[in-house]
Amino acid sequence: MKHLSARRLLAWTMPATLALAVVPALPAQAAPVNTPTTAVAGTVDKDLNGDGVPDLVTAGGTTTGLDSGVWTARGRINATTGVGTGRVKVPAVNIGIYGNGVTGNESPADFDGAQMITGTFWGTANQDFLAYYPGGDNAGGGVIIKGLGDGTMAKPYNANVGLTRDLMLDEYGNAPIQLINGYVADGAGDYIPDLVGIVGDTTNGYRLAYYPNAWAAGLYFRVALNTATPTGGSDWQNWTLASTELASGVALVLRNATTGDLYLWQGVTMTDNGDGTGALAYSQYRLASGWNTGVAISSLLAADMNADGVADLWAVFPDGSVQAYLISNLSVSKPAKIRAIQPQQLG
């Protein structure tokens, strides 16, 4: 209860201008579950429209093979099993045509260069949309737009809130170079998810960090982590993260593009030490070596597409295509089974 009270106090005592800020200038092994079950609408991560199957979301822009905006593609459902197949319905739909309020001119180009993260960031059952800028003029800034529960987002001037950038900086003034949904890995709170990110610089090194939500949309602070990479190193700048929430808890997929190493952290939890630092616990599985080594992936998304209790992957490539990878047969002694689904063109 002491930890929960501290988070309540922070949320209540933060200035209102921060809680509703505008966008700043710009390891025991768990047994895997592999038995498909019928998905239930409203309980599946990344399900934008309530049909019980995860949906794909990615930002467009000049280097993505897609026009500016936010592109969504509904997950396809197997007519026999009632669960997802990994494939999506194309062409994808641009739901970001009104921008996100950053420039004030309702331009879909507001999303250029942003990482798109989905989650219940407004504390309701709907999946909302967080656009985070790891670089460029808006580096460290971000904006959350309400999801409407039907796969679309609200017009930004009706429902948006900015991230509290200054509270998320590390001790050297660095903003995260990547953010993902951390769900409620710290066990504190039920509605607004936390964030996990990679932060640092070439001089002081890069680290993993946890950003608990202070019980208000867009309001986060930093908890420093001393967590090694899946291969035991500290070169976090070489890793890409993706996350999803399973019945077994929070799952992180970690990819090193240079080496092709691909890992899964399952049942991720974070313990807050109460002094600005924390520690992660998880079960680690090596999924593959040499997976898409050196291949540019513009967006890496994790979701349990076929409802077997294991995180799967969508890789969106710079030509605007997407490929699903269904993961099964987790093992502590050998790589998992990864089945690549035929690529699709989103645009």
Protein backbone atom coordinates (compact mmCIF):
# COMPACT_ATOMS: atom_id res chain seq x y z
CA MET A 1 0.00 0.00 0.00
CA LYS A 2 2.92 2.34 0.57
CA HIS A 3 3.82 2.23 -3.14
CA LEU A 4 0.24 2.90 -4.23
CA SER A 5 -0.07 5.85 -1.87
CA ALA A 6 3.09 7.40 -3.26
CA ARG A 7 1.71 7.24 -6.78
CA ARG A 8 -1.60 8.77 -5.69
CA LEU A 9 0.24 11.60 -3.95
CA LEU A 10 2.30 12.36 -7.06
CA ALA A 11 -0.78 12.48 -9.25
CA TRP A 12 -2.58 14.83 -6.86
CA THR A 13 0.31 17.19 -6.26
CA MET A 14 1.52 17.65 -9.84
CA PRO A 15 0.55 21.02 -11.32
CA ALA A 16 -2.53 20.82 -13.51
CA THR A 17 -0.55 22.25 -16.41
CA LEU A 18 1.65 19.17 -16.34
CA ALA A 19 -1.14 16.67 -15.97
CA LEU A 20 -2.83 18.09 -19.06
CA ALA A 21 0.24 19.42 -20.86
CA VAL A 22 0.29 20.19 -24.54
CA VAL A 23 2.97 18.51 -26.61
CA PRO A 24 6.37 20.01 -25.76
CA ALA A 25 8.28 21.86 -28.39
CA LEU A 26 8.60 19.72 -30.49
CA PRO A 27 14.79 -16.32 -13.88
CA ALA A 28 12.35 -19.30 -13.30
CA GLN A 29 10.99 -20.48 -16.62
CA ALA A 30 7.24 -20.36 -17.13
CA ALA A 31 5.56 -23.12 -19.09
CA PRO A 32 4.27 -21.74 -22.42
CA VAL A 33 0.64 -22.00 -23.40
CA ASN A 34 0.04 -23.10 -26.99
CA THR A 35 -3.59 -24.25 -27.06
CA PRO A 36 -5.77 -21.91 -29.19
CA THR A 37 -8.79 -20.50 -27.43
CA THR A 38 -11.68 -18.46 -28.74
CA ALA A 39 -10.90 -14.76 -28.36
CA VAL A 40 -13.25 -12.62 -26.27
CA ALA A 41 -14.07 -9.12 -27.47
CA GLY A 42 -12.86 -6.39 -25.18
CA THR A 43 -10.14 -8.48 -23.51
CA VAL A 44 -7.56 -8.68 -26.30
CA ASP A 45 -4.63 -6.28 -26.45
CA LYS A 46 -4.53 -4.10 -29.58
CA ASP A 47 -8.15 -4.93 -30.44
CA LEU A 48 -9.30 -1.52 -31.69
CA ASN A 49 -12.88 -2.38 -32.60
CA GLY A 50 -13.98 -5.02 -30.11
CA ASP A 51 -14.09 -8.04 -32.43
CA GLY A 52 -11.68 -9.99 -30.22
CA VAL A 53 -8.71 -9.95 -32.61
CA PRO A 54 -5.61 -7.69 -32.49
CA ASP A 55 -5.35 -4.95 -35.11
CA LEU A 56 -2.28 -3.36 -36.66
CA VAL A 57 -1.41 0.33 -36.20
CA THR A 58 1.56 2.13 -37.76
CA ALA A 59 2.52 5.67 -38.68
CA GLY A 60 2.98 6.80 -42.27
CA GLY A 61 5.45 9.32 -43.62
CA THR A 62 8.18 9.85 -46.15
CA THR A 63 10.27 6.79 -45.18
CA THR A 64 7.45 4.31 -44.57
CA GLY A 65 6.01 3.62 -48.01
CA LEU A 66 2.71 5.04 -46.77
CA ASP A 67 1.18 8.50 -46.95
CA SER A 68 1.38 10.64 -43.81
CA GLY A 69 -1.05 9.77 -41.04
CA VAL A 70 -1.92 6.76 -38.88
CA TRP A 71 -2.70 3.53 -40.70
CA THR A 72 -4.79 0.74 -39.21
CA ALA A 73 -5.50 -2.72 -40.60
CA ARG A 74 -8.02 -5.00 -38.92
CA GLY A 75 -6.86 -8.48 -38.00
CA ARG A 76 -8.42 -11.26 -40.07
CA ILE A 77 -10.42 -13.94 -38.26
CA ASN A 78 -10.31 -17.65 -39.05
CA ALA A 79 -13.91 -18.63 -39.85
CA THR A 80 -13.41 -22.09 -38.33
CA THR A 81 -11.59 -21.31 -35.08
CA GLY A 82 -12.84 -17.75 -34.52
CA VAL A 83 -9.34 -16.48 -33.75
CA GLY A 84 -6.87 -14.38 -35.70
CA THR A 85 -4.70 -15.65 -38.53
CA GLY A 86 -1.91 -13.06 -38.50
CA ARG A 87 -3.12 -11.58 -41.77
CA VAL A 88 -4.84 -8.21 -41.90
CA LYS A 89 -7.52 -6.63 -44.04
CA VAL A 90 -5.97 -4.48 -46.75
CA PRO A 91 -5.80 -1.82 -47.91
CA ALA A 92 -5.22 -0.26 -44.52
CA VAL A 93 -7.23 2.79 -43.48
CA ASN A 94 -5.71 6.18 -42.64
CA ILE A 95 -7.38 7.33 -39.40
CA GLY A 96 -4.92 10.19 -38.81
CA ILE A 97 -6.04 12.57 -41.54
CA TYR A 98 -6.79 15.35 -39.02
CA GLY A 99 -3.33 15.24 -37.44
CA ASN A 100 -2.74 15.27 -33.71
CA GLY A 101 -2.69 18.95 -32.82
CA VAL A 102 1.09 19.43 -32.87
CA THR A 103 1.15 21.94 -35.72
CA GLY A 104 -2.36 23.28 -35.27
CA ASN A 105 -3.25 22.88 -38.94
CA GLU A 106 -4.93 19.43 -38.81
CA SER A 107 -2.28 17.88 -41.04
CA PRO A 108 -1.66 14.12 -41.21
CA ALA A 109 2.04 15.03 -41.47
CA ASP A 110 1.84 15.67 -37.70
CA PHE A 111 2.50 11.96 -37.31
CA ASP A 112 5.65 11.87 -39.48
CA GLY A 113 8.54 10.42 -37.50
CA ALA A 114 6.33 9.26 -34.63
CA GLN A 115 6.22 5.86 -32.98
CA MET A 116 2.60 4.74 -32.59
CA ILE A 117 1.67 2.99 -29.34
CA THR A 118 -1.80 1.72 -28.51
CA GLY A 119 -3.28 1.19 -25.06
CA THR A 120 -5.94 2.35 -22.64
CA PHE A 121 -4.12 5.62 -22.01
CA TRP A 122 -7.30 7.54 -21.08
CA GLY A 123 -8.31 4.92 -18.54
CA THR A 124 -11.33 3.56 -20.41
CA ALA A 125 -11.90 0.23 -22.15
CA ASN A 126 -11.09 1.71 -25.57
CA GLN A 127 -7.65 1.44 -27.15
CA ASP A 128 -6.16 4.93 -27.47
CA PHE A 129 -3.27 6.17 -29.61
CA LEU A 130 0.03 7.56 -28.33
CA ALA A 131 2.27 9.24 -30.91
CA TYR A 132 5.81 9.58 -29.52
CA TYR A 133 8.66 11.45 -31.24
CA PRO A 134 12.07 9.88 -30.54
CA GLY A 135 13.86 12.48 -32.68
CA GLY A 136 13.46 15.55 -34.83
CA ASP A 137 12.08 18.93 -33.79
CA ASN A 138 9.68 17.31 -31.31
CA ALA A 139 12.16 14.87 -29.77
CA GLY A 140 10.86 13.61 -26.45
CA GLY A 141 7.38 14.97 -27.08
CA GLY A 142 4.25 12.96 -27.48
CA VAL A 143 0.50 13.24 -27.65
CA ILE A 144 -2.29 10.84 -26.70
CA ILE A 145 -5.51 10.84 -28.73
CA LYS A 146 -8.65 9.06 -27.55
CA GLY A 147 -9.75 5.95 -29.40
CA LEU A 148 -13.46 5.70 -30.15
CA GLY A 149 -13.73 1.93 -29.81
CA ASP A 150 -14.54 1.37 -33.48
CA GLY A 151 -10.99 1.42 -34.82
CA THR A 152 -10.84 5.19 -35.26
CA MET A 153 -9.59 8.10 -33.18
CA ALA A 154 -11.26 11.30 -32.04
CA LYS A 155 -10.47 14.57 -33.76
CA PRO A 156 -7.36 15.77 -31.94
CA TYR A 157 -8.79 19.07 -30.70
CA ASN A 158 -11.63 17.24 -29.00
CA ALA A 159 -9.57 14.73 -27.06
CA ASN A 160 -5.79 14.93 -26.76
CA VAL A 161 -3.24 15.31 -24.00
CA GLY A 162 0.53 15.67 -24.13
CA LEU A 163 3.21 13.68 -22.36
CA THR A 164 5.03 15.28 -19.42
CA ARG A 165 8.37 15.29 -21.21
CA ASP A 166 10.50 16.84 -18.45
CA LEU A 167 9.59 14.16 -15.91
CA MET A 168 10.69 11.43 -18.31
CA LEU A 169 14.22 12.72 -18.96
CA ASP A 170 17.16 10.82 -17.53
CA GLU A 171 19.75 12.39 -15.24
CA TYR A 172 21.68 13.66 -18.27
CA GLY A 173 18.67 15.35 -19.85
CA ASN A 174 18.04 12.64 -22.45
CA ALA A 175 14.56 11.74 -23.67
CA PRO A 176 13.76 8.10 -24.53
CA ILE A 177 14.86 7.00 -28.00
CA GLN A 178 12.04 4.43 -27.95
CA LEU A 179 8.85 3.88 -25.95
CA ILE A 180 6.47 0.94 -25.72
CA ASN A 181 3.42 0.09 -23.63
CA GLY A 182 4.47 -1.28 -20.23
CA TYR A 183 0.89 -2.10 -19.19
CA VAL A 184 0.80 -2.49 -15.40
CA ALA A 185 4.01 -4.46 -14.93
CA ASP A 186 4.56 -2.79 -11.54
CA GLY A 187 1.18 -4.01 -10.25
CA ALA A 188 0.10 -0.50 -9.21
CA GLY A 189 -3.20 0.69 -10.68
CA ASP A 190 -5.59 -0.97 -13.08
CA TYR A 191 -6.52 1.42 -15.85
CA ILE A 192 -3.82 3.64 -17.35
CA PRO A 193 -0.79 1.67 -18.54
CA ASP A 194 2.83 2.48 -17.79
CA LEU A 195 5.58 2.83 -20.39
CA VAL A 196 8.95 1.14 -20.94
CA GLY A 197 11.71 2.80 -22.92
CA ILE A 198 15.34 2.97 -23.92
CA VAL A 199 17.15 6.15 -22.89
CA GLY A 200 20.71 7.46 -22.89
CA ASP A 201 23.47 8.88 -25.06
CA THR A 202 26.78 7.82 -26.59
CA THR A 203 28.79 9.39 -23.78
CA ASN A 204 26.97 7.96 -20.79
CA GLY A 205 25.58 4.81 -22.36
CA TYR A 206 22.04 3.56 -22.89
CA ARG A 207 19.73 1.90 -20.40
CA LEU A 208 16.28 0.46 -20.05
CA ALA A 209 13.84 2.62 -18.07
CA TYR A 210 10.35 2.18 -16.64
CA TYR A 211 7.84 5.04 -16.66
CA PRO A 212 4.98 4.56 -14.17
CA ASN A 213 1.78 6.45 -14.80
CA ALA A 214 0.82 8.83 -11.99
CA TRP A 215 -2.91 8.10 -12.39
CA ALA A 216 -3.54 10.83 -14.94
CA ALA A 217 -3.53 10.66 -18.74
CA GLY A 218 -0.12 11.65 -20.08
CA LEU A 219 1.51 12.00 -16.65
CA TYR A 220 4.61 9.80 -16.25
CA PHE A 221 7.85 9.80 -14.28
CA ARG A 222 11.03 7.76 -14.65
CA VAL A 223 12.27 4.76 -12.70
CA ALA A 224 15.85 3.82 -13.66
CA LEU A 225 16.56 0.14 -14.36
CA ASN A 226 19.88 -1.68 -14.21
CA THR A 227 18.74 -4.43 -16.58
CA ALA A 228 21.11 -6.12 -19.02
CA THR A 229 20.16 -6.85 -22.62
CA PRO A 230 19.00 -10.41 -23.41
CA THR A 231 22.59 -11.31 -24.31
CA GLY A 232 23.97 -9.82 -21.09
CA GLY A 233 25.28 -6.56 -22.51
CA SER A 234 24.56 -2.85 -22.07
CA ASP A 235 24.21 -1.91 -25.75
CA TRP A 236 20.52 -1.06 -25.49
CA GLN A 237 20.81 1.34 -28.44
CA ASN A 238 21.09 -1.73 -30.69
CA TRP A 239 17.81 -3.26 -29.55
CA THR A 240 14.21 -2.70 -30.64
CA LEU A 241 11.34 -3.40 -28.27
CA ALA A 242 7.75 -4.53 -28.82
CA SER A 243 5.21 -5.40 -26.13
CA THR A 244 1.83 -6.96 -25.59
CA GLU A 245 -0.30 -8.17 -22.69
CA LEU A 246 -1.20 -11.85 -22.38
CA ALA A 247 -3.22 -13.83 -19.87
CA SER A 248 0.15 -14.72 -18.32
CA GLY A 249 1.12 -11.06 -17.97
CA VAL A 250 3.25 -8.54 -19.83
CA ALA A 251 5.41 -9.83 -22.70
CA LEU A 252 8.31 -8.03 -24.36
CA VAL A 253 9.92 -9.03 -27.65
CA LEU A 254 13.47 -7.75 -28.13
CA ARG A 255 15.27 -7.63 -31.48
CA ASN A 256 18.89 -6.84 -32.32
CA ALA A 257 18.89 -5.90 -35.99
CA THR A 258 22.66 -6.19 -36.35
CA THR A 259 22.97 -9.74 -35.01
CA GLY A 260 19.48 -11.01 -35.80
CA ASP A 261 18.97 -12.10 -32.18
CA LEU A 262 15.31 -12.27 -31.21
CA TYR A 263 14.18 -12.85 -27.62
CA LEU A 264 10.96 -12.99 -25.62
CA TRP A 265 10.59 -11.84 -22.03
CA GLN A 266 7.39 -13.32 -20.64
CA GLY A 267 5.63 -12.53 -17.34
CA VAL A 268 7.48 -9.23 -16.99
CA THR A 269 7.11 -7.48 -13.63
CA MET A 270 8.77 -4.37 -12.22
CA THR A 271 9.62 -3.85 -8.56
CA ASP A 272 9.99 -0.21 -7.51
CA ASN A 273 12.77 0.21 -4.95
CA GLY A 274 11.27 3.49 -3.74
CA ASP A 275 14.41 5.52 -4.50
CA GLY A 276 13.96 6.22 -8.21
CA THR A 277 15.30 2.82 -9.23
CA GLY A 278 13.65 -0.50 -9.92
CA ALA A 279 14.24 -4.04 -11.12
CA LEU A 280 12.61 -6.24 -13.75
CA ALA A 281 11.80 -9.93 -13.39
CA TYR A 282 10.84 -12.16 -16.32
CA SER A 283 11.23 -15.53 -17.98
CA GLN A 284 13.52 -15.31 -21.02
CA TYR A 285 13.23 -17.34 -24.21
CA ARG A 286 15.54 -17.16 -27.21
CA LEU A 287 13.20 -17.09 -30.18
CA ALA A 288 15.73 -17.03 -33.03
CA SER A 289 19.19 -16.14 -34.22
CA GLY A 290 19.71 -14.51 -37.60
CA TRP A 291 16.10 -13.27 -37.74
CA ASN A 292 15.87 -10.57 -40.44
CA THR A 293 19.52 -9.71 -39.83
CA GLY A 294 20.32 -6.22 -41.11
CA VAL A 295 16.83 -5.78 -42.54
CA ALA A 296 15.22 -2.38 -41.96
CA ILE A 297 11.91 -2.66 -40.11
CA SER A 298 10.03 0.60 -39.66
CA SER A 299 7.60 -0.74 -37.05
CA LEU A 300 7.75 -3.90 -34.93
CA LEU A 301 4.50 -4.85 -33.17
CA ALA A 302 3.76 -7.68 -30.75
CA ALA A 303 0.31 -9.23 -30.28
CA ASP A 304 -1.19 -12.64 -29.60
CA MET A 305 -2.69 -12.91 -33.08
CA ASN A 306 -3.92 -16.50 -32.91
CA ALA A 307 -4.93 -16.62 -29.22
CA ASP A 308 -2.47 -19.35 -28.22
CA GLY A 309 -1.06 -17.43 -25.26
CA VAL A 310 2.25 -16.58 -26.96
CA ALA A 311 3.27 -13.19 -28.37
CA ASP A 312 3.49 -13.02 -32.16
CA LEU A 313 5.00 -10.29 -34.34
CA TRP A 314 4.05 -7.92 -37.14
CA ALA A 315 6.98 -6.37 -39.00
CA VAL A 316 6.13 -3.32 -41.10
CA PHE A 317 8.80 -2.59 -43.69
CA PRO A 318 9.83 0.72 -45.31
CA ASP A 319 8.04 -0.18 -48.54
CA GLY A 320 4.69 -0.19 -46.72
CA SER A 321 4.39 -3.97 -46.57
CA VAL A 322 3.69 -6.04 -43.46
CA GLN A 323 4.55 -9.61 -42.57
CA ALA A 324 3.22 -11.59 -39.62
CA TYR A 325 5.33 -14.10 -37.70
CA LEU A 326 3.44 -16.63 -35.57
CA ILE A 327 5.52 -17.88 -32.64
CA SER A 328 5.06 -21.19 -30.82
CA ASN A 329 6.98 -24.03 -29.14
CA LEU A 330 8.79 -21.90 -26.58
CA SER A 331 11.79 -23.68 -25.08
CA VAL A 332 14.60 -22.82 -22.71
CA SER A 333 17.01 -25.06 -24.61
CA LYS A 334 16.37 -24.31 -28.27
CA PRO A 335 14.86 -21.62 -30.54
CA ALA A 336 11.10 -21.32 -30.85
CA LYS A 337 9.11 -22.17 -33.94
CA ILE A 338 8.43 -19.07 -36.05
CA ARG A 339 6.03 -19.36 -38.97
CA ALA A 340 6.20 -16.47 -41.45
CA ILE A 341 2.90 -15.52 -43.04
CA GLN A 342 2.78 -14.26 -46.62
CA PRO A 343 3.56 -10.52 -46.78
CA GLN A 344 0.82 -8.00 -47.54
CA GLN A 345 0.93 -4.48 -48.91
CA LEU A 346 -0.79 -2.03 -46.56
CA GLY A 347 -1.24 0.79 -49.05
